[in-house]
Amino acid sequence: MKLVDALEVVTRTDPGMVRAHNEDALYADAALGVAILADGMGGYNAGEVASGLATTHLAADISGIINSPACQEKGLSDPGIVENHIINQVTAANLAIFNAAQNCADFAGMGTTLVMALFYDNRMSVAHVGDSRLYRLRGQCFEQLTRDHSLLQEQLDSGTISAAQARYSENRNLVTRALGVEPEVKVDVNDFDVLAGDIVLLCSDGLNEMVDDEEIAITLRALRSDLGQAADHLVQQSNAYGGRDNISLILIKVVGDFASPKRRWQQTLAHLQ
């Protein structure tokens, strides 16, 4: 099955109830198996510039790799190669944002979080920097697959504060990593298997800070057959609880097998032997 037929993708972004404009940026393409979400930060419209640069650069670079003759013939299948591609492209996007900030006073200090997923060969490589998140619903199990790069997460890890205290902490928005702030950035990349029926959620903190994980899970379990309705409901919930930040999300439902051409050929040979 082709990726475009194996993945159902829905995106939503909303300024929320408080912010004057939206500094989040999204890109998703089922045919490429790519989903990218960035949450910008900085004065004036600099956050919007940073998130836009991140998604634009990564979308173009990843598209170039996937549409290359070699990839079109054999497909992506090696997690190590995929991870290297992702790290290289995120590194390039980081430098582009950093250089833009250095060359324009209005953009000084701008940066953006990043979370992205690349689907290939019945797998998913996930990259993230900052506190934008990726969750997976598999059956009834809903879990966060990324770990925030934030001061709050460091405090939780060290036992300085409890999970209950974290909900109301003043440090909720202080990230310890972001694209564009320094000329180099460390990006976390992890690879996961993918099963038909899985639902993947990428979101900015404007969602998960307003709606707790269990409520998000309840919505996705109840509305898994209608991703558009699920996405709309999550945005509505965030705004109903105050909508203090921009709210952006990408929902991906895996509806079928998408083994690479190389894997399918190997499977065919195995059946013939």
Protein backbone atom coordinates (compact mmCIF):
# COMPACT_ATOMS: atom_id res chain seq x y z
CA MET A 1 0.00 0.00 0.00
CA LYS A 2 1.28 3.49 -0.83
CA LEU A 3 1.92 5.87 2.07
CA VAL A 4 -0.79 8.26 0.88
CA ASP A 5 -3.31 5.41 1.25
CA ALA A 6 -1.82 4.04 4.48
CA LEU A 7 -1.92 7.29 6.47
CA GLU A 8 -4.86 9.55 7.28
CA VAL A 9 -3.66 13.04 8.29
CA VAL A 10 -5.50 15.99 9.86
CA THR A 11 -4.01 19.34 10.95
CA ARG A 12 -5.39 22.17 13.06
CA THR A 13 -3.92 25.44 14.33
CA ASP A 14 -5.61 28.19 16.31
CA PRO A 15 -4.31 31.40 17.95
CA GLY A 16 -6.09 30.61 21.21
CA MET A 17 -7.96 33.07 23.41
CA VAL A 18 -5.10 35.33 24.56
CA ARG A 19 -2.37 35.69 21.92
CA ALA A 20 -2.78 38.35 19.22
CA HIS A 21 -1.31 36.16 16.48
CA ASN A 22 -0.19 32.61 15.85
CA GLU A 23 3.51 31.75 16.07
CA ASP A 24 3.07 28.01 15.45
CA ALA A 25 3.76 26.44 12.06
CA LEU A 26 2.67 23.09 10.63
CA TYR A 27 3.47 20.88 7.66
CA ALA A 28 2.05 17.46 6.90
CA ASP A 29 2.02 15.34 3.75
CA ALA A 30 0.63 11.80 3.79
CA ALA A 31 2.21 10.99 0.43
CA LEU A 32 5.67 11.72 1.84
CA GLY A 33 4.91 10.35 5.30
CA VAL A 34 6.08 13.58 6.94
CA ALA A 35 4.59 15.61 9.79
CA ILE A 36 6.35 18.69 11.22
CA LEU A 37 5.23 21.04 14.00
CA ALA A 38 7.13 24.08 15.33
CA ASP A 39 6.23 26.49 18.13
CA GLY A 40 8.08 29.79 17.70
CA MET A 41 9.35 32.19 20.34
CA GLY A 42 10.75 35.72 20.19
CA GLY A 43 9.69 39.36 20.12
CA TYR A 44 7.57 41.05 17.45
CA ASN A 45 6.82 38.39 14.81
CA ALA A 46 10.18 36.67 15.26
CA GLY A 47 8.66 33.49 16.69
CA GLU A 48 6.47 33.19 13.62
CA VAL A 49 9.54 33.65 11.41
CA ALA A 50 11.53 30.99 13.28
CA SER A 51 8.78 28.36 13.18
CA GLY A 52 8.08 29.12 9.53
CA LEU A 53 11.75 28.76 8.61
CA ALA A 54 11.95 25.44 10.46
CA THR A 55 8.96 23.86 8.75
CA THR A 56 9.81 25.26 5.31
CA HIS A 57 13.44 24.13 5.37
CA LEU A 58 12.68 20.69 6.75
CA ALA A 59 9.75 20.06 4.41
CA ALA A 60 11.86 20.97 1.37
CA ASP A 61 14.90 18.97 2.47
CA ILE A 62 13.01 15.84 3.50
CA SER A 63 10.94 16.00 0.31
CA GLY A 64 14.15 16.16 -1.73
CA ILE A 65 15.48 13.02 -0.05
CA ILE A 66 12.25 11.04 -0.41
CA ASN A 67 11.77 12.07 -4.04
CA SER A 68 15.38 11.27 -5.02
CA PRO A 69 15.76 8.51 -7.65
CA ALA A 70 17.51 6.15 -5.19
CA CYS A 71 14.81 6.52 -2.56
CA GLN A 72 12.00 6.21 -5.11
CA GLU A 73 13.50 2.92 -6.32
CA LYS A 74 14.33 1.26 -3.00
CA GLY A 75 12.47 3.30 -0.39
CA LEU A 76 13.71 4.10 3.10
CA SER A 77 14.31 1.03 5.24
CA ASP A 78 17.42 1.53 7.42
CA PRO A 79 16.66 3.36 10.71
CA GLY A 80 20.29 4.44 11.05
CA ILE A 81 20.30 6.09 7.63
CA VAL A 82 16.95 7.75 8.32
CA GLU A 83 18.24 9.10 11.64
CA ASN A 84 21.32 10.56 9.95
CA HIS A 85 19.15 12.24 7.30
CA ILE A 86 16.93 13.77 9.98
CA ILE A 87 19.82 15.01 12.13
CA ASN A 88 21.51 16.57 9.10
CA GLN A 89 18.36 18.37 7.98
CA VAL A 90 17.44 19.60 11.48
CA THR A 91 21.02 20.83 11.91
CA ALA A 92 20.73 22.76 8.62
CA ALA A 93 17.38 24.26 9.66
CA ASN A 94 18.82 25.30 13.02
CA LEU A 95 21.70 27.10 11.32
CA ALA A 96 19.36 28.86 8.89
CA ILE A 97 17.29 30.24 11.77
CA PHE A 98 20.39 31.22 13.74
CA ASN A 99 21.88 33.07 10.76
CA ALA A 100 18.60 34.87 10.07
CA ALA A 101 18.55 36.02 13.70
CA GLN A 102 22.14 37.24 13.46
CA ASN A 103 21.46 39.22 10.28
CA CYS A 104 18.30 41.06 11.36
CA ALA A 105 17.96 43.00 14.61
CA ASP A 106 14.20 42.41 14.75
CA PHE A 107 14.82 38.65 14.80
CA ALA A 108 17.54 38.65 17.48
CA GLY A 109 17.05 35.83 19.98
CA MET A 110 14.29 34.10 18.06
CA GLY A 111 13.94 30.35 18.20
CA THR A 112 11.45 27.55 17.87
CA THR A 113 10.64 24.14 19.25
CA LEU A 114 10.33 21.24 16.84
CA VAL A 115 8.66 17.87 16.74
CA MET A 116 8.52 15.83 13.56
CA ALA A 117 7.67 12.32 12.46
CA LEU A 118 8.83 10.51 9.33
CA PHE A 119 6.87 7.38 8.42
CA TYR A 120 8.60 4.71 6.33
CA ASP A 121 8.65 0.92 5.97
CA ASN A 122 6.07 0.37 8.73
CA ARG A 123 8.20 2.48 11.08
CA MET A 124 8.23 6.02 12.44
CA SER A 125 11.30 8.11 13.21
CA VAL A 126 10.56 10.90 15.68
CA ALA A 127 12.78 13.97 16.16
CA HIS A 128 12.23 16.72 18.68
CA VAL A 129 13.83 19.78 20.25
CA GLY A 130 12.07 21.66 23.04
CA ASP A 131 8.68 20.94 24.60
CA SER A 132 6.40 20.28 21.64
CA ARG A 133 5.27 16.68 21.99
CA LEU A 134 4.41 13.49 20.17
CA TYR A 135 1.94 10.99 21.63
CA ARG A 136 0.72 7.61 20.38
CA LEU A 137 -2.60 5.90 20.97
CA ARG A 138 -2.30 2.15 20.40
CA GLY A 139 -5.45 0.29 21.31
CA GLN A 140 -6.39 1.80 24.67
CA CYS A 141 -2.80 2.72 25.60
CA PHE A 142 -2.01 6.42 25.25
CA GLU A 143 1.59 7.44 25.86
CA GLN A 144 3.97 10.34 25.31
CA LEU A 145 6.87 9.20 23.13
CA THR A 146 8.94 12.39 23.43
CA ARG A 147 10.50 13.82 26.57
CA ASP A 148 10.36 17.60 27.05
CA HIS A 149 13.57 19.60 26.93
CA SER A 150 12.46 21.99 29.64
CA LEU A 151 13.39 23.24 33.09
CA LEU A 152 10.16 21.76 34.40
CA GLN A 153 11.09 18.29 33.12
CA GLU A 154 14.52 18.58 34.72
CA GLN A 155 12.86 19.48 38.04
CA LEU A 156 10.54 16.49 37.73
CA ASP A 157 13.46 14.18 36.91
CA SER A 158 15.44 15.40 39.92
CA GLY A 159 12.46 15.12 42.26
CA THR A 160 12.53 18.85 43.05
CA ILE A 161 8.80 19.08 42.35
CA SER A 162 5.97 16.58 42.05
CA ALA A 163 3.76 15.99 39.02
CA ALA A 164 0.90 17.72 40.84
CA GLN A 165 3.05 20.78 41.56
CA ALA A 166 4.29 20.83 37.95
CA ARG A 167 0.77 21.47 36.73
CA TYR A 168 0.89 24.95 38.30
CA SER A 169 4.61 25.72 38.05
CA GLU A 170 5.78 29.12 36.80
CA ASN A 171 8.55 27.32 34.88
CA ARG A 172 6.20 25.55 32.48
CA ASN A 173 7.31 27.55 29.43
CA LEU A 174 11.08 27.56 30.00
CA VAL A 175 12.68 25.28 27.40
CA THR A 176 16.29 24.14 27.67
CA ARG A 177 16.70 23.49 23.94
CA ALA A 178 15.37 25.27 20.85
CA LEU A 179 16.22 25.62 17.18
CA GLY A 180 18.01 28.80 16.15
CA VAL A 181 19.24 29.98 19.54
CA GLU A 182 22.78 28.64 19.07
CA PRO A 183 24.71 27.69 15.91
CA GLU A 184 24.53 24.03 16.97
CA VAL A 185 21.70 22.09 18.57
CA LYS A 186 21.25 18.57 19.90
CA VAL A 187 18.22 16.82 18.45
CA ASP A 188 16.74 13.67 19.96
CA VAL A 189 15.76 11.04 17.36
CA ASN A 190 14.04 7.76 18.19
CA ASP A 191 12.58 5.03 16.01
CA PHE A 192 9.31 3.18 16.65
CA ASP A 193 7.38 0.38 14.98
CA VAL A 194 4.01 1.26 13.50
CA LEU A 195 0.84 -0.86 13.55
CA ALA A 196 -2.43 -0.43 11.70
CA GLY A 197 -4.85 1.39 13.99
CA ASP A 198 -2.17 3.52 15.69
CA ILE A 199 -3.05 7.20 16.10
CA VAL A 200 -0.14 9.64 16.43
CA LEU A 201 -0.57 13.15 17.85
CA LEU A 202 1.98 15.95 17.43
CA CYS A 203 1.12 19.10 19.38
CA SER A 204 2.41 22.41 20.67
CA ASP A 205 2.23 23.08 24.40
CA GLY A 206 -0.85 25.22 23.82
CA LEU A 207 -2.76 21.94 23.78
CA ASN A 208 -1.14 19.81 26.48
CA GLU A 209 -0.81 22.69 28.97
CA MET A 210 -4.55 23.33 28.83
CA VAL A 211 -5.85 19.78 28.38
CA ASP A 212 -4.28 17.03 30.47
CA ASP A 213 -3.11 13.76 28.94
CA GLU A 214 -6.04 11.70 30.20
CA GLU A 215 -8.56 14.09 28.65
CA ILE A 216 -6.66 14.02 25.36
CA ALA A 217 -6.69 10.22 25.51
CA ILE A 218 -10.44 10.11 26.19
CA THR A 219 -11.09 12.31 23.15
CA LEU A 220 -8.92 10.21 20.84
CA ARG A 221 -10.38 6.93 22.04
CA ALA A 222 -13.92 8.19 21.60
CA LEU A 223 -13.38 9.87 18.22
CA ARG A 224 -10.72 7.63 16.66
CA SER A 225 -13.02 6.98 13.68
CA ASP A 226 -13.26 10.72 12.87
CA LEU A 227 -9.89 12.48 13.12
CA GLY A 228 -11.31 15.81 12.00
CA GLN A 229 -13.87 15.82 14.78
CA ALA A 230 -11.23 14.73 17.29
CA ALA A 231 -8.91 17.56 16.24
CA ASP A 232 -11.70 20.14 16.43
CA HIS A 233 -12.72 18.92 19.87
CA LEU A 234 -9.17 19.16 21.22
CA VAL A 235 -8.87 22.77 20.01
CA GLN A 236 -12.27 23.59 21.51
CA GLN A 237 -11.26 22.04 24.83
CA SER A 238 -8.04 24.07 24.94
CA ASN A 239 -9.90 27.30 24.33
CA ALA A 240 -12.64 26.39 26.80
CA TYR A 241 -9.96 25.98 29.50
CA GLY A 242 -8.50 29.41 28.74
CA GLY A 243 -6.56 29.07 25.48
CA ARG A 244 -3.54 30.86 26.93
CA ASP A 245 -1.28 29.98 24.00
CA ASN A 246 -1.48 29.11 20.32
CA ILE A 247 -2.90 25.62 19.81
CA SER A 248 -1.55 23.42 17.03
CA LEU A 249 -1.82 19.71 16.38
CA ILE A 250 -1.34 17.05 13.74
CA LEU A 251 -3.22 13.75 13.95
CA ILE A 252 -2.07 10.75 11.91
CA LYS A 253 -3.99 7.48 11.78
CA VAL A 254 -2.29 4.41 10.35
CA VAL A 255 -4.85 2.56 8.23
CA GLY A 256 -2.64 0.02 6.45
CA ASP A 257 0.73 -1.54 5.73
CA PHE A 258 3.40 0.62 4.03
CA ALA A 259 6.45 -1.64 3.73
CA SER A 260 9.22 -0.25 1.51
CA PRO A 261 9.66 -1.64 -2.04
CA LYS A 262 12.84 -3.38 -0.85
CA ARG A 263 11.00 -5.03 2.06
CA ARG A 264 8.09 -6.11 -0.17
CA TRP A 265 10.52 -7.71 -2.64
CA GLN A 266 12.26 -9.57 0.17
CA GLN A 267 8.91 -10.80 1.48
CA THR A 268 7.94 -12.00 -1.99
CA LEU A 269 11.22 -13.92 -2.35
CA ALA A 270 10.72 -15.51 1.07
CA HIS A 271 7.27 -16.77 0.06
CA LEU A 272 8.67 -18.26 -3.16
CA GLN A 273 11.38 -20.25 -1.40
